[in-house]
C-alpha atoms as a PDB file:
ATOM      1  CA  MET A   1      56.835 103.824  73.561  1.00  0.00           C
ATOM      2  CA  ARG A   2      55.050 106.337  75.759  1.00  0.00           C
ATOM      3  CA  GLU A   3      51.685 104.537  75.695  1.00  0.00           C
ATOM      4  CA  GLN A   4      53.991 101.124  77.184  1.00  0.00           C
ATOM      5  CA  ASP A   5      55.787 103.627  79.717  1.00  0.00           C
ATOM      6  CA  LEU A   6      58.969 102.674  78.047  1.00  0.00           C
ATOM      7  CA  THR A   7      61.871 104.862  78.181  1.00  0.00           C
ATOM      8  CA  GLY A   8      65.234 104.601  75.547  1.00  0.00           C
ATOM      9  CA  GLU A   9      68.396 104.015  77.277  1.00  0.00           C
ATOM     10  CA  LEU A  10      70.883 107.076  77.113  1.00  0.00           C
ATOM     11  CA  PRO A  11      74.773 106.498  76.054  1.00  0.00           C
ATOM     12  CA  LYS A  12      77.188 106.495  78.661  1.00  0.00           C
ATOM     13  CA  ARG A  13      80.428 108.272  78.899  1.00  0.00           C
ATOM     14  CA  PHE A  14      83.212 106.402  76.880  1.00  0.00           C
ATOM     15  CA  ARG A  15      86.153 105.353  78.736  1.00  0.00           C
ATOM     16  CA  ARG A  16      88.994 104.140  76.963  1.00  0.00           C
ATOM     17  CA  THR A  17      90.333 100.987  77.741  1.00  0.00           C
ATOM     18  CA  THR A  18      92.985  99.590  74.739  1.00  0.00           C
ATOM     19  CA  ASP A  19      96.735 100.679  74.752  1.00  0.00           C
ATOM     20  CA  SER A  20      97.645 100.345  71.549  1.00  0.00           C
ATOM     21  CA  ALA A  21     100.530 102.177  71.330  1.00  0.00           C
ATOM     22  CA  HIS A  22     103.099  99.373  71.568  1.00  0.00           C
ATOM     23  CA  ASP A  23     106.067  97.618  69.114  1.00  0.00           C
ATOM     24  CA  LEU A  24     104.362  94.185  70.295  1.00  0.00           C
ATOM     25  CA  PRO A  25     103.044  91.770  67.231  1.00  0.00           C
ATOM     26  CA  VAL A  26      99.723  92.241  65.453  1.00  0.00           C
ATOM     27  CA  ALA A  27      98.123  89.757  63.538  1.00  0.00           C
ATOM     28  CA  ASP A  28      94.905  89.868  60.830  1.00  0.00           C
ATOM     29  CA  ARG A  29      91.359  89.133  61.880  1.00  0.00           C
ATOM     30  CA  LYS A  30      89.423  86.112  60.639  1.00  0.00           C
ATOM     31  CA  PHE A  31      85.928  85.575  61.078  1.00  0.00           C
ATOM     32  CA  THR A  32      84.648  82.395  60.002  1.00  0.00           C
ATOM     33  CA  VAL A  33      82.944  80.036  62.282  1.00  0.00           C
ATOM     34  CA  ALA A  34      80.893  76.637  61.813  1.00  0.00           C
ATOM     35  CA  ALA A  35      81.593  74.920  64.938  1.00  0.00           C
ATOM     36  CA  PRO A  36      82.709  75.776  68.323  1.00  0.00           C
ATOM     37  CA  ASN A  37      86.192  76.000  69.387  1.00  0.00           C
ATOM     38  CA  GLN A  38      87.417  77.746  65.874  1.00  0.00           C
ATOM     39  CA  ILE A  39      87.158  81.201  66.680  1.00  0.00           C
ATOM     40  CA  TRP A  40      86.999  83.273  70.152  1.00  0.00           C
ATOM     41  CA  ALA A  41      86.847  86.822  70.710  1.00  0.00           C
ATOM     42  CA  ALA A  42      88.443  88.711  73.603  1.00  0.00           C
ATOM     43  CA  ASP A  43      87.972  92.251  75.159  1.00  0.00           C
ATOM     44  CA  ILE A  44      88.269  94.674  78.407  1.00  0.00           C
ATOM     45  CA  THR A  45      85.666  97.029  79.160  1.00  0.00           C
ATOM     46  CA  TYR A  46      85.039  98.720  82.321  1.00  0.00           C
ATOM     47  CA  VAL A  47      82.531  98.578  85.606  1.00  0.00           C
ATOM     48  CA  ARG A  48      82.009 102.521  87.544  1.00  0.00           C
ATOM     49  CA  THR A  49      81.405 101.569  91.261  1.00  0.00           C
ATOM     50  CA  TRP A  50      81.570 103.690  94.340  1.00  0.00           C
ATOM     51  CA  ALA A  51      85.127 102.077  95.268  1.00  0.00           C
ATOM     52  CA  GLY A  52      86.676 102.968  91.699  1.00  0.00           C
ATOM     53  CA  TRP A  53      86.794 101.438  88.723  1.00  0.00           C
ATOM     54  CA  MET A  54      86.266  97.749  88.004  1.00  0.00           C
ATOM     55  CA  TYR A  55      87.747  95.946  84.449  1.00  0.00           C
ATOM     56  CA  LEU A  56      85.834  92.891  83.486  1.00  0.00           C
ATOM     57  CA  ALA A  57      87.706  91.129  80.606  1.00  0.00           C
ATOM     58  CA  VAL A  58      85.688  88.402  78.401  1.00  0.00           C
ATOM     59  CA  VAL A  59      86.466  85.533  76.108  1.00  0.00           C
ATOM     60  CA  ILE A  60      83.956  84.503  73.950  1.00  0.00           C
ATOM     61  CA  ASP A  61      83.477  81.849  71.515  1.00  0.00           C
ATOM     62  CA  LEU A  62      81.753  83.296  68.086  1.00  0.00           C
ATOM     63  CA  PHE A  63      80.049  79.713  67.337  1.00  0.00           C
ATOM     64  CA  SER A  64      77.222  80.565  69.939  1.00  0.00           C
ATOM     65  CA  ARG A  65      78.239  83.740  71.401  1.00  0.00           C
ATOM     66  CA  ARG A  66      78.690  81.772  74.757  1.00  0.00           C
ATOM     67  CA  VAL A  67      80.805  83.535  77.394  1.00  0.00           C
ATOM     68  CA  ILE A  68      83.354  80.877  77.822  1.00  0.00           C
ATOM     69  CA  GLY A  69      86.145  82.660  80.067  1.00  0.00           C
ATOM     70  CA  TRP A  70      85.876  86.095  82.007  1.00  0.00           C
ATOM     71  CA  ALA A  71      87.380  87.755  85.159  1.00  0.00           C
ATOM     72  CA  ALA A  72      87.174  91.142  86.965  1.00  0.00           C
ATOM     73  CA  ALA A  73      89.483  93.243  88.858  1.00  0.00           C
ATOM     74  CA  ASP A  74      91.017  96.949  89.891  1.00  0.00           C
ATOM     75  CA  HIS A  75      93.358  97.009  87.264  1.00  0.00           C
ATOM     76  CA  MET A  76      93.686  96.022  83.467  1.00  0.00           C
ATOM     77  CA  ARG A  77      96.895  94.609  83.788  1.00  0.00           C
ATOM     78  CA  THR A  78      97.711  91.648  81.513  1.00  0.00           C
ATOM     79  CA  GLU A  79      96.709  88.788  84.264  1.00  0.00           C
ATOM     80  CA  LEU A  80      93.092  90.491  84.235  1.00  0.00           C
ATOM     81  CA  ALA A  81      93.282  89.070  80.310  1.00  0.00           C
ATOM     82  CA  THR A  82      95.012  85.796  81.386  1.00  0.00           C
ATOM     83  CA  ASP A  83      92.603  85.008  83.755  1.00  0.00           C
ATOM     84  CA  ALA A  84      89.912  85.182  81.679  1.00  0.00           C
ATOM     85  CA  LEU A  85      91.982  83.170  78.768  1.00  0.00           C
ATOM     86  CA  LYS A  86      92.849  80.461  81.871  1.00  0.00           C
ATOM     87  CA  MET A  87      89.242  79.869  82.675  1.00  0.00           C
ATOM     88  CA  ALA A  88      88.274  79.349  78.656  1.00  0.00           C
ATOM     89  CA  LEU A  89      90.807  76.850  78.425  1.00  0.00           C
ATOM     90  CA  ALA A  90      89.895  75.131  81.351  1.00  0.00           C
ATOM     91  CA  LEU A  91      86.386  74.779  80.600  1.00  0.00           C
ATOM     92  CA  ARG A  92      86.996  73.909  76.857  1.00  0.00           C
ATOM     93  CA  GLY A  93      89.984  71.466  77.044  1.00  0.00           C
ATOM     94  CA  ASP A  94      92.150  70.449  73.728  1.00  0.00           C
ATOM     95  CA  VAL A  95      91.801  73.831  71.809  1.00  0.00           C
ATOM     96  CA  HIS A  96      94.382  73.222  69.337  1.00  0.00           C
ATOM     97  CA  GLY A  97      93.928  75.350  66.173  1.00  0.00           C
ATOM     98  CA  VAL A  98      91.296  77.649  67.857  1.00  0.00           C
ATOM     99  CA  ILE A  99      91.961  81.643  66.128  1.00  0.00           C
ATOM    100  CA  HIS A 100      91.938  84.145  69.426  1.00  0.00           C
ATOM    101  CA  HIS A 101      90.935  87.086  68.265  1.00  0.00           C
ATOM    102  CA  SER A 102      91.365  90.521  70.005  1.00  0.00           C
ATOM    103  CA  ASP A 103      91.914  94.648  69.903  1.00  0.00           C
ATOM    104  CA  ARG A 104      95.698  95.795  69.782  1.00  0.00           C
ATOM    105  CA  GLY A 105      95.854  96.438  73.494  1.00  0.00           C
ATOM    106  CA  SER A 106      98.944  95.671  75.418  1.00  0.00           C
ATOM    107  CA  GLN A 107      97.271  92.870  77.353  1.00  0.00           C
ATOM    108  CA  TYR A 108      96.869  90.524  74.456  1.00  0.00           C
ATOM    109  CA  ALA A 109     100.108  91.378  72.712  1.00  0.00           C
ATOM    110  CA  SER A 110     102.246  91.138  75.658  1.00  0.00           C
ATOM    111  CA  ASN A 111     104.880  88.209  75.847  1.00  0.00           C
ATOM    112  CA  ASP A 112     102.668  86.198  79.030  1.00  0.00           C
ATOM    113  CA  TYR A 113      99.391  86.086  77.035  1.00  0.00           C
ATOM    114  CA  GLN A 114     101.316  85.161  73.500  1.00  0.00           C
ATOM    115  CA  ASP A 115     103.338  82.428  75.513  1.00  0.00           C
ATOM    116  CA  LEU A 116      99.720  81.277  76.833  1.00  0.00           C
ATOM    117  CA  LEU A 117      97.963  81.250  73.481  1.00  0.00           C
ATOM    118  CA  GLU A 118     101.244  79.481  71.830  1.00  0.00           C
ATOM    119  CA  ALA A 119     101.606  76.806  74.350  1.00  0.00           C
ATOM    120  CA  HIS A 120      98.064  75.440  73.555  1.00  0.00           C
ATOM    121  CA  GLY A 121      98.223  75.659  69.889  1.00  0.00           C
ATOM    122  CA  ILE A 122      95.879  79.110  69.531  1.00  0.00           C
ATOM    123  CA  ALA A 123      96.441  81.578  66.468  1.00  0.00           C
ATOM    124  CA  CYS A 124      96.358  85.025  67.229  1.00  0.00           C
ATOM    125  CA  SER A 125      94.171  87.540  65.498  1.00  0.00           C
ATOM    126  CA  MET A 126      93.887  91.331  66.146  1.00  0.00           C
ATOM    127  CA  SER A 127      92.060  94.025  65.035  1.00  0.00           C
ATOM    128  CA  ARG A 128      93.194  96.880  62.380  1.00  0.00           C
ATOM    129  CA  LYS A 129      94.345 100.110  64.721  1.00  0.00           C
ATOM    130  CA  GLY A 130      91.341 102.151  65.422  1.00  0.00           C
ATOM    131  CA  ASN A 131      88.774  99.914  63.982  1.00  0.00           C
ATOM    132  CA  CYS A 132      86.134  98.584  66.698  1.00  0.00           C
ATOM    133  CA  TRP A 133      84.131  96.595  64.415  1.00  0.00           C
ATOM    134  CA  ASP A 134      86.976  94.023  64.256  1.00  0.00           C
ATOM    135  CA  ASN A 135      85.853  92.982  67.650  1.00  0.00           C
ATOM    136  CA  ALA A 136      81.780  93.670  67.202  1.00  0.00           C
ATOM    137  CA  VAL A 137      80.688  90.589  68.981  1.00  0.00           C
ATOM    138  CA  VAL A 138      82.638  91.060  72.282  1.00  0.00           C
ATOM    139  CA  GLU A 139      81.380  94.754  71.919  1.00  0.00           C
ATOM    140  CA  SER A 140      78.112  93.847  71.398  1.00  0.00           C
ATOM    141  CA  PHE A 141      78.145  91.534  74.204  1.00  0.00           C
ATOM    142  CA  PHE A 142      79.760  94.661  76.445  1.00  0.00           C
ATOM    143  CA  LYS A 143      76.524  97.026  75.395  1.00  0.00           C
ATOM    144  CA  THR A 144      74.067  94.268  76.262  1.00  0.00           C
ATOM    145  CA  ILE A 145      75.255  93.201  79.728  1.00  0.00           C
ATOM    146  CA  LYS A 146      75.942  97.398  80.704  1.00  0.00           C
ATOM    147  CA  SER A 147      71.890  97.628  79.286  1.00  0.00           C
ATOM    148  CA  GLU A 148      70.847  95.114  81.296  1.00  0.00           C
ATOM    149  CA  LEU A 149      72.379  95.042  84.300  1.00  0.00           C
ATOM    150  CA  ILE A 150      75.366  97.632  84.693  1.00  0.00           C
ATOM    151  CA  PHE A 151      73.644 100.820  84.278  1.00  0.00           C
ATOM    152  CA  ARG A 152      70.558  99.557  86.169  1.00  0.00           C
ATOM    153  CA  ARG A 153      71.687  99.996  89.404  1.00  0.00           C
ATOM    154  CA  PRO A 154      74.385 101.243  91.375  1.00  0.00           C
ATOM    155  CA  TRP A 155      77.481  99.451  92.636  1.00  0.00           C
ATOM    156  CA  PRO A 156      78.461 100.026  96.172  1.00  0.00           C
ATOM    157  CA  THR A 157      81.502  98.179  96.075  1.00  0.00           C
ATOM    158  CA  ARG A 158      83.714  95.893  93.541  1.00  0.00           C
ATOM    159  CA  ALA A 159      82.161  92.726  95.219  1.00  0.00           C
ATOM    160  CA  HIS A 160      78.847  93.370  94.607  1.00  0.00           C
ATOM    161  CA  ALA A 161      79.706  94.125  91.030  1.00  0.00           C
ATOM    162  CA  ASN A 162      81.678  91.234  90.712  1.00  0.00           C
ATOM    163  CA  GLU A 163      78.928  89.080  92.110  1.00  0.00           C
ATOM    164  CA  ALA A 164      76.392  90.205  89.495  1.00  0.00           C
ATOM    165  CA  ILE A 165      78.025  90.132  86.954  1.00  0.00           C
ATOM    166  CA  ALA A 166      79.147  85.922  87.533  1.00  0.00           C
ATOM    167  CA  ASP A 167      75.671  85.362  88.058  1.00  0.00           C
ATOM    168  CA  TYR A 168      74.567  87.464  84.894  1.00  0.00           C
ATOM    169  CA  ILE A 169      76.801  85.559  82.745  1.00  0.00           C
ATOM    170  CA  GLU A 170      76.597  82.071  84.026  1.00  0.00           C
ATOM    171  CA  ARG A 171      72.946  82.034  85.296  1.00  0.00           C
ATOM    172  CA  PHE A 172      71.152  83.809  82.350  1.00  0.00           C
ATOM    173  CA  TYR A 173      73.060  84.927  79.725  1.00  0.00           C
ATOM    174  CA  ASN A 174      74.837  81.698  78.786  1.00  0.00           C
ATOM    175  CA  SER A 175      72.069  79.389  80.082  1.00  0.00           C
ATOM    176  CA  ARG A 176      68.480  81.383  79.323  1.00  0.00           C
ATOM    177  CA  ARG A 177      69.229  84.760  77.389  1.00  0.00           C
ATOM    178  CA  ARG A 178      67.958  83.757  73.834  1.00  0.00           C
ATOM    179  CA  HIS A 179      70.254  85.344  70.917  1.00  0.00           C
ATOM    180  CA  SER A 180      68.813  86.627  67.300  1.00  0.00           C
ATOM    181  CA  THR A 181      71.966  85.454  65.626  1.00  0.00           C
ATOM    182  CA  ILE A 182      71.793  81.898  66.444  1.00  0.00           C
ATOM    183  CA  GLY A 183      68.114  81.546  65.919  1.00  0.00           C
ATOM    184  CA  ALA A 184      66.951  82.973  68.954  1.00  0.00           C
ATOM    185  CA  SER A 185      68.287  79.741  71.010  1.00  0.00           C
ATOM    186  CA  ALA A 186      69.826  79.974  74.224  1.00  0.00           C
ATOM    187  CA  LEU A 187      73.588  79.758  73.928  1.00  0.00           C
ATOM    188  CA  LEU A 188      73.985  76.170  76.219  1.00  0.00           C
ATOM    189  CA  GLN A 189      71.241  75.009  74.286  1.00  0.00           C
ATOM    190  CA  TYR A 190      72.766  76.084  71.017  1.00  0.00           C
ATOM    191  CA  GLU A 191      76.161  74.010  71.721  1.00  0.00           C
ATOM    192  CA  MET A 192      74.357  71.113  73.128  1.00  0.00           C
ATOM    193  CA  THR A 193      72.181  70.487  69.410  1.00  0.00           C
ATOM    194  CA  PHE A 194      74.986  71.459  67.518  1.00  0.00           C
ATOM    195  CA  ARG A 195      76.975  68.330  69.465  1.00  0.00           C
ATOM    196  CA  GLN A 196      74.135  65.653  69.187  1.00  0.00           C
ATOM    197  CA  GLN A 197      73.916  66.640  65.741  1.00  0.00           C
ATOM    198  CA  GLN A 198      77.284  65.491  65.230  1.00  0.00           C
ATOM    199  CA  LEU A 199      77.141  62.892  67.444  1.00  0.00           C
ATOM    200  CA  ALA A 200      74.219  61.476  64.973  1.00  0.00           C
ATOM    201  CA  ALA A 201      75.648  62.326  61.672  1.00  0.00           C
END
């Protein structure tokens, strides 16, 4: 690394975004994925800006690791999570039978979020208490976007950060970045190849 003038990325200070101290229903995890729209995973992370914290909610399809829904705001209220879910629903169409996995956060266990899942025939799955590895796919995405984008520059405003995140997700991460879990394919290309194979079968 010294010869290549490379330096490692130091871990950043942890900020808790999950409030699991509630009496709302909690389901069990399930992670077996053979096709799109079988299992989605969702979570919330934070972005520091000069104007204060901004929070990012995402929904990821575990088949391709594609970010199919996301939303950013200056709060962690339930509507942040539901906005990300609504984007995923609009993109994917008929999703009856999808399993939706998240942590035990009150946003995901809330009546509004659960009602939205139920209205579209989506089953709920949640992590065991205090076990972040149950949602490792989304945690891996957050680590990637922070190391490749968020931690590389200061963000004067939430609008600056929001615009950059949108560009990163839509024009780079989903479209061009290769993922080792799916054979070093780009995420959109991986989904397109699967659909073509299904049509040809």
